[in-house]
Amino acid sequence: MYLEDIYYFWKMTYNFISSHDFEVIHIDRDRREVWLEKNKGKSTDVIRLKQQTFDWSNHLKRDQDVVAEKVKRLTKTLIGREVHVHSIYISQFPPVDDWERDPVHIKAKKPVRMYTYFVVQREREQSLENIYESLHLQENSFSPKDEEEMESQVPKLRKAVDQAIEANIKNQQAILSRGKPILTYLFIAINILMFVVLELNGGSQNTTTLIEYGAKFNPLIVEGEWWRIVSSMFLHIGIAHILLNMLALYYLGNAVERMFGSVRFLAIYFISGIVGGLASFALSQNVAAGASGAIYGLFGALLFFGLIYKKLFFRTMGSSIIGILIINIVFSFAIPQVDIGAHLGGLVGGFLASSFVHFPKKRNGLSQALSFVAVLAVAGSLIWAGLAANEDSSLHTQTVLASYYQENGQFEQAFDVANQAIEEQNNENSVLYFIRSYGYIQQDQVKQAITDLKRSVELDPQNDSAHYNLGVLYARQGKRELAIDAVQKAIEINPEAEDYQELLGELEGSG
């Protein structure tokens, strides 16, 4: 009888949800078909319940083909390595002719087996026993006393299922909406403001301007300016850099801050950025800036979300996030200018930071403590590696630092760094001698300046600036021939320099 079909349909649906922790993933409009899902680690059980009677097996086969197509699409959002689909028909009777009772293998992205059952009028209890045994579940008694009980129970069961679906939706919404993206918008505003400041004070692609405003610059970090690891997070190099990073921050920041709340988001963002900055310090000697480390940390936070809420992650954003992350990492390795250390460091830092702060109302003391220790260990290791790397390349580091001071007009600091490097290093460097000569000129020690400039051009005969400065100093001493010879060499290297030509004209005209 039809009422009995309806009763068993809703009774089984409610039992799977309430007693066996299945979740509703679809229910059709006429409410005669429902899909349920439950992950069991390596495998996932999908139950499809439907009220339908088939006269012939070919009708059943057509419906099974429809189910198979739906399952192929569904497997993209299921977690388990294997999927077992249990297609259950609540029916008055099975097909009249023989139908395939063995499991059907469905070709999909992961192994899928589909089992077909009929819960028919004359064998309800036996059919249920077989189904629950196949699912490895404890069976409950479903048999109603009479038709009156079925009539009274059906509305209650439907309401209970609706409430369970509504509660699950609200729970998912609560998980995805714990906070408002206040800090995300604040960080975007700060980054844009700092970009404007850079552009108005020399340009965001000017190395000296970047260093002056706090970019990651290893020589100064070694000197004690560790705050650059943080300040560099809010500086960007060029319009494309700021636009791409702010677009990523807008989308990823919105998602992560809503999931974790603003306080936890703040911790994740800064820990990611700091670990990314330290990774850049350890792995790259280049001047660097940008929010990329923190943004990759937000990727790490979303991966941690996927670890804790697997089903919700893959049902909402999982495949897209993983795909975008893989593309970004590939591009990071493929493009030489990209600071891959900051990206990977930020990713690891974000995952560990998320594990440390965890989700509201979902604590795991041991895991959080281990994550905190891991963050400290990673940061400490990167600091040690960075100091060692910069010590091994100390001549390069001191050359870069002296050049920076020289370009910035800090001649005393440039002289001190260059002098120390020359006195302490076994290897000699043309740039360091050239920079030290400036200091000697400032101190009116012309003889020492000439000695350094001569050594500079010996080490690098193409250093036109050193030749030119030699010419200037020789001219001051009245050594006209030496001055002309030095300036002519400078012009041979750089014939476009107008000041070189002017000095040569003055020297030749004074003869």
Protein backbone atom coordinates (compact mmCIF):
# COMPACT_ATOMS: atom_id res chain seq x y z
CA MET A 1 0.00 0.00 0.00
CA TYR A 2 1.16 3.50 -0.84
CA LEU A 3 1.01 4.89 2.72
CA GLU A 4 3.35 2.12 3.84
CA ASP A 5 5.90 3.12 1.17
CA ILE A 6 5.84 6.69 2.39
CA TYR A 7 6.19 5.60 6.01
CA TYR A 8 9.22 3.39 5.35
CA PHE A 9 10.84 6.05 3.20
CA TRP A 10 10.69 8.68 5.96
CA LYS A 11 11.36 6.20 8.77
CA MET A 12 14.54 4.95 7.11
CA THR A 13 15.68 8.49 6.23
CA TYR A 14 15.20 9.69 9.79
CA ASN A 15 16.90 6.61 11.22
CA PHE A 16 19.98 7.01 9.03
CA ILE A 17 20.25 10.68 10.07
CA SER A 18 19.46 10.44 13.78
CA SER A 19 20.97 7.07 14.70
CA HIS A 20 23.82 6.63 12.24
CA ASP A 21 25.09 10.19 11.58
CA PHE A 22 24.34 10.34 7.87
CA GLU A 23 23.96 13.80 6.32
CA VAL A 24 21.42 14.78 3.70
CA ILE A 25 23.17 15.96 0.54
CA HIS A 26 20.08 16.15 -1.67
CA ILE A 27 16.31 15.82 -1.45
CA ASP A 28 14.14 16.25 -4.53
CA ARG A 29 11.20 18.61 -4.84
CA ASP A 30 8.45 16.02 -4.72
CA ARG A 31 10.21 14.55 -1.64
CA ARG A 32 10.26 11.00 -2.98
CA GLU A 33 14.03 10.75 -3.33
CA VAL A 34 16.79 11.58 -0.86
CA TRP A 35 20.59 11.21 -0.94
CA LEU A 36 22.57 10.68 2.27
CA GLU A 37 26.32 10.50 2.89
CA LYS A 38 28.69 9.38 5.63
CA ASN A 39 32.47 9.20 5.57
CA LYS A 40 34.15 6.26 7.28
CA GLY A 41 37.80 7.18 6.88
CA LYS A 42 39.09 5.53 3.74
CA SER A 43 35.61 4.94 2.31
CA THR A 44 32.35 6.83 2.02
CA ASP A 45 28.84 5.37 2.06
CA VAL A 46 26.21 7.08 -0.06
CA ILE A 47 22.59 6.05 0.43
CA ARG A 48 20.01 6.91 -2.17
CA LEU A 49 16.44 6.26 -1.04
CA LYS A 50 13.62 6.45 -3.57
CA GLN A 51 9.92 5.61 -3.61
CA GLN A 52 9.40 3.89 -6.95
CA THR A 53 8.06 0.68 -8.40
CA PHE A 54 9.43 -0.80 -11.64
CA ASP A 55 7.44 -3.20 -13.74
CA TRP A 56 10.40 -4.35 -15.80
CA SER A 57 14.16 -4.59 -15.24
CA ASN A 58 14.93 -2.38 -18.26
CA HIS A 59 13.10 0.48 -16.47
CA LEU A 60 15.26 -0.18 -13.42
CA LYS A 61 18.38 -0.20 -15.59
CA ARG A 62 17.57 3.24 -16.98
CA ASP A 63 17.19 4.61 -13.47
CA GLN A 64 20.47 2.98 -12.41
CA ASP A 65 22.20 4.72 -15.34
CA VAL A 66 20.84 8.06 -14.10
CA VAL A 67 22.13 7.26 -10.61
CA ALA A 68 25.57 6.36 -12.01
CA GLU A 69 25.85 9.74 -13.77
CA LYS A 70 24.90 11.58 -10.59
CA VAL A 71 27.45 9.56 -8.63
CA LYS A 72 30.23 10.48 -11.08
CA ARG A 73 29.56 14.17 -10.42
CA LEU A 74 29.15 13.58 -6.70
CA THR A 75 32.51 11.83 -6.24
CA LYS A 76 34.30 15.19 -6.74
CA THR A 77 32.97 16.33 -3.35
CA LEU A 78 33.36 13.04 -1.44
CA ILE A 79 36.38 12.43 0.80
CA GLY A 80 36.91 8.68 0.92
CA ARG A 81 39.20 6.86 -1.48
CA GLU A 82 36.38 4.42 -2.21
CA VAL A 83 32.67 5.13 -2.56
CA HIS A 84 29.91 2.61 -1.87
CA VAL A 85 26.54 3.65 -3.25
CA HIS A 86 23.49 1.93 -1.79
CA SER A 87 20.48 2.57 -4.02
CA ILE A 88 17.36 1.60 -2.07
CA TYR A 89 13.93 1.45 -3.68
CA ILE A 90 10.85 1.55 -1.46
CA SER A 91 8.45 -0.37 -3.66
CA GLN A 92 5.29 -2.43 -3.77
CA PHE A 93 7.10 -5.20 -5.61
CA PRO A 94 10.37 -5.77 -7.53
CA PRO A 95 10.53 -5.92 -11.36
CA VAL A 96 8.63 -8.81 -12.81
CA ASP A 97 11.61 -10.19 -14.74
CA ASP A 98 15.11 -10.89 -13.46
CA TRP A 99 17.27 -7.88 -12.51
CA GLU A 100 20.98 -7.58 -11.74
CA ARG A 101 21.61 -8.09 -8.03
CA ASP A 102 25.43 -8.04 -8.06
CA PRO A 103 27.29 -4.79 -7.30
CA VAL A 104 27.83 -2.52 -10.30
CA HIS A 105 31.23 -0.90 -10.82
CA ILE A 106 30.98 2.73 -11.90
CA LYS A 107 33.87 4.35 -13.78
CA ALA A 108 34.68 7.57 -11.91
CA LYS A 109 37.67 9.44 -10.48
CA LYS A 110 37.75 7.00 -7.56
CA PRO A 111 36.54 3.37 -7.21
CA VAL A 112 32.74 3.27 -6.95
CA ARG A 113 30.50 0.28 -6.31
CA MET A 114 26.74 0.55 -6.50
CA TYR A 115 24.47 -1.86 -4.66
CA THR A 116 20.76 -2.07 -5.43
CA TYR A 117 18.05 -3.08 -2.92
CA PHE A 118 14.28 -3.31 -2.93
CA VAL A 119 12.26 -2.87 0.24
CA VAL A 120 9.08 -4.51 -1.04
CA GLN A 121 5.73 -4.84 0.64
CA ARG A 122 5.81 -8.55 1.52
CA GLU A 123 9.46 -8.64 2.69
CA ARG A 124 9.98 -5.30 4.43
CA GLU A 125 11.77 -6.58 7.54
CA GLN A 126 13.96 -9.07 5.71
CA SER A 127 14.94 -6.43 3.15
CA LEU A 128 15.83 -3.99 5.92
CA GLU A 129 17.91 -6.62 7.68
CA ASN A 130 19.92 -7.24 4.49
CA ILE A 131 20.44 -3.52 3.90
CA TYR A 132 21.64 -2.77 7.42
CA GLU A 133 23.89 -5.80 7.39
CA SER A 134 25.46 -4.62 4.12
CA LEU A 135 26.01 -1.17 5.67
CA HIS A 136 27.38 -2.69 8.91
CA LEU A 137 24.78 -0.81 10.95
CA GLN A 138 22.61 -1.77 13.88
CA GLU A 139 19.06 -2.28 12.67
CA ASN A 140 16.08 -0.78 14.51
CA SER A 141 12.56 -2.11 14.42
CA PHE A 142 10.55 -0.24 11.78
CA SER A 143 7.31 -2.19 11.70
CA PRO A 144 4.29 0.00 12.48
CA LYS A 145 1.42 -1.37 14.54
CA ASP A 146 -1.26 -0.32 12.09
CA GLU A 147 -2.21 2.15 9.40
CA GLU A 148 -3.26 4.74 11.97
CA GLU A 149 0.25 4.80 13.45
CA MET A 150 1.75 5.27 9.98
CA GLU A 151 -0.58 8.20 9.28
CA SER A 152 0.37 9.88 12.55
CA GLN A 153 4.11 9.17 12.23
CA VAL A 154 4.71 10.32 8.65
CA PRO A 155 4.22 14.09 9.29
CA LYS A 156 6.38 13.86 12.42
CA LEU A 157 9.14 12.03 10.58
CA ARG A 158 9.07 14.52 7.70
CA LYS A 159 9.26 17.40 10.15
CA ALA A 160 12.13 15.75 12.04
CA VAL A 161 14.08 15.24 8.81
CA ASP A 162 13.46 18.86 7.78
CA GLN A 163 14.66 20.05 11.17
CA ALA A 164 17.79 17.90 10.90
CA ILE A 165 18.53 19.35 7.44
CA GLU A 166 17.93 22.90 8.68
CA ALA A 167 20.13 22.31 11.74
CA ASN A 168 22.93 20.98 9.54
CA ILE A 169 22.71 24.00 7.23
CA LYS A 170 22.79 26.40 10.19
CA ASN A 171 25.77 24.54 11.66
CA GLN A 172 27.66 24.83 8.37
CA GLN A 173 26.79 28.51 8.07
CA ALA A 174 27.98 29.06 11.64
CA ILE A 175 31.30 27.37 10.86
CA LEU A 176 31.79 29.55 7.78
CA SER A 177 30.61 32.80 9.38
CA ARG A 178 32.15 33.20 12.83
CA GLY A 179 33.43 36.71 12.23
CA LYS A 180 33.36 39.75 9.97
CA PRO A 181 36.27 40.64 7.66
CA ILE A 182 37.14 43.88 9.49
CA LEU A 183 40.91 43.31 9.58
CA THR A 184 40.98 42.14 5.98
CA TYR A 185 39.69 45.51 4.79
CA LEU A 186 41.98 47.33 7.24
CA PHE A 187 45.07 45.52 5.93
CA ILE A 188 44.04 46.22 2.32
CA ALA A 189 43.71 49.92 3.19
CA ILE A 190 47.12 50.01 4.92
CA ASN A 191 48.82 48.29 1.99
CA ILE A 192 47.28 50.68 -0.53
CA LEU A 193 48.18 53.69 1.65
CA MET A 194 51.81 52.55 1.92
CA PHE A 195 51.94 51.98 -1.84
CA VAL A 196 50.83 55.58 -2.41
CA VAL A 197 53.46 56.80 0.09
CA LEU A 198 56.18 54.89 -1.79
CA GLU A 199 55.04 56.26 -5.15
CA LEU A 200 55.11 59.83 -3.81
CA ASN A 201 58.59 59.42 -2.31
CA GLY A 202 60.75 58.02 -5.06
CA GLY A 203 58.62 55.20 -6.44
CA SER A 204 57.66 51.72 -5.28
CA GLN A 205 60.23 50.18 -7.65
CA ASN A 206 63.08 52.34 -6.37
CA THR A 207 65.34 50.14 -4.25
CA THR A 208 66.53 52.97 -2.04
CA THR A 209 62.95 54.09 -1.34
CA LEU A 210 61.90 50.53 -0.52
CA ILE A 211 64.76 50.08 1.94
CA GLU A 212 64.14 53.47 3.49
CA TYR A 213 60.49 52.59 4.19
CA GLY A 214 61.17 49.13 5.62
CA ALA A 215 61.63 46.52 2.90
CA LYS A 216 63.37 43.26 3.74
CA PHE A 217 67.08 44.04 3.35
CA ASN A 218 69.35 41.37 4.76
CA PRO A 219 72.38 43.56 5.59
CA LEU A 220 70.31 45.85 7.81
CA ILE A 221 68.47 42.91 9.37
CA VAL A 222 71.83 41.39 10.31
CA GLU A 223 72.72 44.78 11.79
CA GLY A 224 69.68 44.45 14.09
CA GLU A 225 66.71 45.85 12.15
CA TRP A 226 64.52 42.75 12.59
CA TRP A 227 61.39 44.90 12.45
CA ARG A 228 61.83 44.86 8.65
CA ILE A 229 60.43 41.32 8.61
CA VAL A 230 57.08 42.84 9.64
CA SER A 231 57.23 46.22 7.88
CA SER A 232 58.04 44.59 4.53
CA MET A 233 54.63 42.86 4.69
CA PHE A 234 52.94 46.20 3.94
CA LEU A 235 55.10 47.35 1.02
CA HIS A 236 54.71 46.38 -2.64
CA ILE A 237 56.88 46.72 -5.72
CA GLY A 238 54.93 48.06 -8.71
CA ILE A 239 51.24 48.36 -9.55
CA ALA A 240 50.83 44.73 -10.69
CA HIS A 241 52.26 43.45 -7.40
CA ILE A 242 49.87 45.49 -5.23
CA LEU A 243 46.82 44.70 -7.39
CA LEU A 244 47.37 40.93 -7.47
CA ASN A 245 48.14 40.70 -3.77
CA MET A 246 45.20 42.86 -2.70
CA LEU A 247 42.82 40.85 -4.90
CA ALA A 248 44.07 37.64 -3.27
CA LEU A 249 43.86 39.19 0.20
CA TYR A 250 40.29 40.32 -0.45
CA TYR A 251 39.04 36.83 -1.33
CA LEU A 252 41.20 34.71 0.97
CA GLY A 253 41.07 37.16 3.87
CA ASN A 254 37.29 37.32 3.70
CA ALA A 255 37.01 33.53 3.92
CA VAL A 256 39.63 33.00 6.64
CA GLU A 257 38.54 35.89 8.90
CA ARG A 258 34.91 34.74 8.72
CA MET A 259 35.92 31.16 9.64
CA PHE A 260 38.40 31.92 12.42
CA GLY A 261 37.22 35.28 13.71
CA SER A 262 39.25 38.51 13.73
CA VAL A 263 41.55 37.76 16.69
CA ARG A 264 42.65 34.39 15.32
CA PHE A 265 42.90 35.85 11.81
CA LEU A 266 45.27 38.51 13.16
CA ALA A 267 47.53 35.85 14.66
CA ILE A 268 47.47 33.73 11.48
CA TYR A 269 48.21 36.73 9.25
CA PHE A 270 51.19 38.00 11.22
CA ILE A 271 52.69 34.59 12.03
CA SER A 272 52.44 33.65 8.33
CA GLY A 273 53.99 36.93 7.23
CA ILE A 274 56.81 36.68 9.76
CA VAL A 275 57.65 33.06 8.91
CA GLY A 276 57.49 33.94 5.20
CA GLY A 277 59.79 36.94 5.79
CA LEU A 278 62.26 34.80 7.73
CA ALA A 279 62.24 32.21 4.94
CA SER A 280 63.04 34.99 2.46
CA PHE A 281 65.83 36.21 4.78
CA ALA A 282 67.29 32.70 4.86
CA LEU A 283 66.95 31.88 1.18
CA SER A 284 67.30 35.15 -0.73
CA GLN A 285 69.77 38.03 -0.66
CA ASN A 286 67.49 40.29 -2.68
CA VAL A 287 65.59 43.29 -1.37
CA ALA A 288 62.03 42.03 -0.91
CA ALA A 289 58.60 43.33 0.05
CA GLY A 290 54.97 42.29 -0.17
CA ALA A 291 52.10 40.57 1.62
CA SER A 292 52.68 37.30 -0.28
CA GLY A 293 53.94 35.39 2.78
CA ALA A 294 50.84 36.35 4.78
CA ILE A 295 48.55 35.61 1.82
CA TYR A 296 50.07 32.15 1.35
CA GLY A 297 49.50 31.73 5.08
CA LEU A 298 45.79 32.21 4.39
CA PHE A 299 46.03 29.32 1.92
CA GLY A 300 47.58 27.33 4.77
CA ALA A 301 44.68 28.30 7.04
CA LEU A 302 42.17 27.05 4.47
CA LEU A 303 44.06 23.75 4.17
CA PHE A 304 43.87 23.40 7.95
CA PHE A 305 40.14 24.08 7.71
CA GLY A 306 39.97 21.23 5.17
CA LEU A 307 41.78 18.94 7.60
CA ILE A 308 39.29 19.62 10.39
CA TYR A 309 36.10 19.96 8.32
CA LYS A 310 36.83 17.65 5.40
CA LYS A 311 33.31 17.22 4.09
CA LEU A 312 32.41 20.89 4.27
CA PHE A 313 35.74 21.89 2.74
CA PHE A 314 35.42 19.65 -0.32
CA ARG A 315 31.73 20.41 -0.66
CA THR A 316 32.32 24.16 -0.76
CA MET A 317 35.79 25.32 -1.81
CA GLY A 318 38.25 22.43 -1.54
CA SER A 319 38.98 21.57 -5.16
CA SER A 320 39.21 25.23 -6.21
CA ILE A 321 41.54 26.19 -3.34
CA ILE A 322 43.89 23.27 -3.93
CA GLY A 323 43.93 23.94 -7.68
CA ILE A 324 44.69 27.66 -7.26
CA LEU A 325 47.39 26.88 -4.70
CA ILE A 326 49.11 24.36 -7.00
CA ILE A 327 49.03 26.85 -9.91
CA ASN A 328 50.51 29.59 -7.71
CA ILE A 329 53.31 27.34 -6.43
CA VAL A 330 54.18 26.23 -9.98
CA PHE A 331 54.36 29.87 -11.10
CA SER A 332 56.45 30.72 -8.04
CA PHE A 333 59.08 28.18 -9.10
CA ALA A 334 58.83 29.10 -12.79
CA ILE A 335 59.34 32.87 -12.44
CA PRO A 336 62.83 33.79 -11.14
CA GLN A 337 61.75 37.16 -9.69
CA VAL A 338 59.22 35.56 -7.35
CA ASP A 339 60.34 35.09 -3.75
CA ILE A 340 59.55 31.38 -3.44
CA GLY A 341 60.97 31.26 0.09
CA ALA A 342 58.42 33.81 1.34
CA HIS A 343 55.58 31.92 -0.36
CA LEU A 344 56.39 28.46 0.98
CA GLY A 345 57.39 29.84 4.40
CA GLY A 346 54.08 31.68 4.62
CA LEU A 347 52.15 28.55 3.60
CA VAL A 348 53.78 26.46 6.33
CA GLY A 349 53.48 29.30 8.85
CA GLY A 350 49.78 29.75 8.10
CA PHE A 351 49.00 26.06 8.52
CA LEU A 352 50.90 25.84 11.83
CA ALA A 353 49.43 29.13 13.09
CA SER A 354 45.92 27.89 12.31
CA SER A 355 46.60 24.66 14.15
CA PHE A 356 47.89 26.70 17.09
CA VAL A 357 44.97 29.14 17.39
CA HIS A 358 42.45 26.50 16.20
CA PHE A 359 38.75 27.20 15.71
CA PRO A 360 36.42 28.80 18.25
CA LYS A 361 34.78 26.19 20.50
CA LYS A 362 36.98 23.44 19.01
CA ARG A 363 40.10 23.07 21.12
CA ASN A 364 42.80 20.42 21.15
CA GLY A 365 45.33 21.28 23.86
CA LEU A 366 48.09 18.86 22.84
CA SER A 367 47.82 19.65 19.13
CA GLN A 368 47.81 23.39 19.81
CA ALA A 369 50.84 23.14 22.09
CA LEU A 370 52.78 21.08 19.52
CA SER A 371 51.87 23.57 16.80
CA PHE A 372 53.11 26.46 18.92
CA VAL A 373 56.43 24.66 19.47
CA ALA A 374 56.59 23.91 15.73
CA VAL A 375 56.11 27.61 14.88
CA LEU A 376 58.94 28.57 17.23
CA ALA A 377 61.15 25.78 15.85
CA VAL A 378 60.55 26.79 12.23
CA ALA A 379 61.13 30.49 12.98
CA GLY A 380 64.28 29.73 15.00
CA SER A 381 65.65 27.47 12.28
CA LEU A 382 65.07 30.11 9.62
CA ILE A 383 66.79 32.80 11.72
CA TRP A 384 69.79 30.51 12.26
CA ALA A 385 69.90 29.58 8.57
CA GLY A 386 69.57 33.23 7.54
CA LEU A 387 72.38 34.39 9.80
CA ALA A 388 74.60 31.56 8.58
CA ALA A 389 73.80 32.29 4.93
CA ASN A 390 74.53 35.98 5.34
CA GLU A 391 77.74 35.24 7.22
CA ASP A 392 78.90 32.97 4.41
CA SER A 393 78.25 35.77 1.95
CA SER A 394 79.36 38.57 4.27
CA LEU A 395 81.52 40.23 1.59
CA HIS A 396 78.50 40.48 -0.70
CA THR A 397 76.33 41.63 2.21
CA GLN A 398 78.78 44.35 3.22
CA THR A 399 79.15 45.49 -0.39
CA VAL A 400 75.37 45.80 -0.75
CA LEU A 401 75.10 47.62 2.60
CA ALA A 402 77.93 50.03 1.80
CA SER A 403 76.37 50.72 -1.62
CA TYR A 404 73.02 51.43 0.00
CA TYR A 405 74.54 53.93 2.44
CA GLN A 406 76.47 55.53 -0.42
CA GLU A 407 73.37 55.91 -2.61
CA ASN A 408 71.43 57.26 0.37
CA GLY A 409 74.04 59.96 1.08
CA GLN A 410 75.15 58.38 4.36
CA PHE A 411 78.84 58.60 3.50
CA GLU A 412 80.21 58.01 7.00
CA GLN A 413 78.28 54.76 7.40
CA ALA A 414 79.30 53.72 3.87
CA PHE A 415 82.98 54.41 4.67
CA ASP A 416 82.83 52.46 7.94
CA VAL A 417 81.25 49.39 6.31
CA ALA A 418 83.61 49.47 3.32
CA ASN A 419 86.68 50.00 5.49
CA GLN A 420 85.74 47.15 7.82
CA ALA A 421 85.09 44.84 4.89
CA ILE A 422 88.41 45.66 3.23
CA GLU A 423 90.36 45.26 6.46
CA GLU A 424 88.67 42.02 7.54
CA GLN A 425 88.04 40.20 4.22
CA ASN A 426 90.68 38.27 2.32
CA ASN A 427 88.88 38.89 -0.97
CA GLU A 428 89.08 42.36 -2.47
CA ASN A 429 86.23 44.16 -4.15
CA SER A 430 86.33 47.10 -6.59
CA VAL A 431 83.08 48.57 -5.30
CA LEU A 432 84.29 48.62 -1.68
CA TYR A 433 87.52 50.45 -2.61
CA PHE A 434 85.50 52.94 -4.66
CA ILE A 435 83.10 53.58 -1.75
CA ARG A 436 85.93 53.93 0.77
CA SER A 437 87.63 56.50 -1.50
CA TYR A 438 84.55 58.72 -1.08
CA GLY A 439 85.06 58.65 2.67
CA TYR A 440 88.69 59.63 2.28
CA ILE A 441 87.69 62.50 0.00
CA GLN A 442 85.23 63.72 2.67
CA GLN A 443 88.10 63.60 5.17
CA ASP A 444 90.47 65.47 2.80
CA GLN A 445 92.76 62.47 2.66
CA VAL A 446 93.39 62.73 -1.08
CA LYS A 447 96.42 60.46 -1.15
CA GLN A 448 94.49 57.57 0.43
CA ALA A 449 91.54 58.25 -1.88
CA ILE A 450 93.76 58.04 -4.98
CA THR A 451 95.30 54.80 -3.69
CA ASP A 452 91.83 53.25 -3.26
CA LEU A 453 90.64 54.46 -6.68
CA LYS A 454 93.71 53.04 -8.38
CA ARG A 455 93.06 49.71 -6.65
CA SER A 456 89.41 49.88 -7.67
CA VAL A 457 90.24 50.24 -11.39
CA GLU A 458 92.86 47.51 -11.10
CA LEU A 459 90.19 45.14 -9.83
CA ASP A 460 87.58 46.40 -12.33
CA PRO A 461 89.00 48.31 -15.33
CA GLN A 462 85.40 49.01 -16.52
CA ASN A 463 84.58 51.11 -13.44
CA ASP A 464 84.14 54.41 -15.26
CA SER A 465 83.17 56.30 -12.10
CA ALA A 466 86.48 55.33 -10.45
CA HIS A 467 88.45 56.54 -13.52
CA TYR A 468 86.53 59.82 -13.51
CA ASN A 469 87.09 60.42 -9.78
CA LEU A 470 90.80 59.74 -10.30
CA GLY A 471 90.82 62.40 -12.99
CA VAL A 472 89.16 64.89 -10.63
CA LEU A 473 91.70 64.24 -7.85
CA TYR A 474 94.68 64.40 -10.23
CA ALA A 475 93.35 67.72 -11.55
CA ARG A 476 93.18 69.09 -8.00
CA GLN A 477 96.85 68.12 -7.53
CA GLY A 478 97.79 69.81 -10.78
CA LYS A 479 98.68 66.53 -12.46
CA ARG A 480 97.08 67.48 -15.78
CA GLU A 481 98.36 64.61 -17.95
CA LEU A 482 97.33 61.95 -15.43
CA ALA A 483 93.96 63.64 -15.06
CA ILE A 484 93.34 63.70 -18.83
CA ASP A 485 94.40 60.05 -19.17
CA ALA A 486 92.00 58.98 -16.36
CA VAL A 487 89.05 60.96 -17.76
CA GLN A 488 89.65 59.65 -21.28
CA LYS A 489 89.44 56.09 -19.94
CA ALA A 490 86.14 56.98 -18.25
CA ILE A 491 84.79 58.36 -21.55
CA GLU A 492 85.87 55.24 -23.45
CA ILE A 493 83.75 53.17 -21.05
CA ASN A 494 80.82 55.60 -20.88
CA PRO A 495 80.89 58.08 -23.78
CA GLU A 496 77.37 59.37 -23.02
CA ALA A 497 78.35 60.96 -19.68
CA GLU A 498 78.21 64.73 -20.19
CA ASP A 499 80.15 65.59 -17.01
CA TYR A 500 83.02 63.43 -18.24
CA GLN A 501 83.13 65.37 -21.51
CA GLU A 502 82.96 68.72 -19.69
CA LEU A 503 85.88 67.87 -17.43
CA LEU A 504 87.98 66.67 -20.34
CA GLY A 505 87.27 69.91 -22.23
CA GLU A 506 88.32 71.98 -19.20
CA LEU A 507 91.53 69.98 -18.78
CA GLU A 508 92.48 70.20 -22.47
CA GLY A 509 91.62 73.90 -22.58
CA SER A 510 93.88 74.68 -19.64
CA GLY A 511 96.99 73.40 -21.37
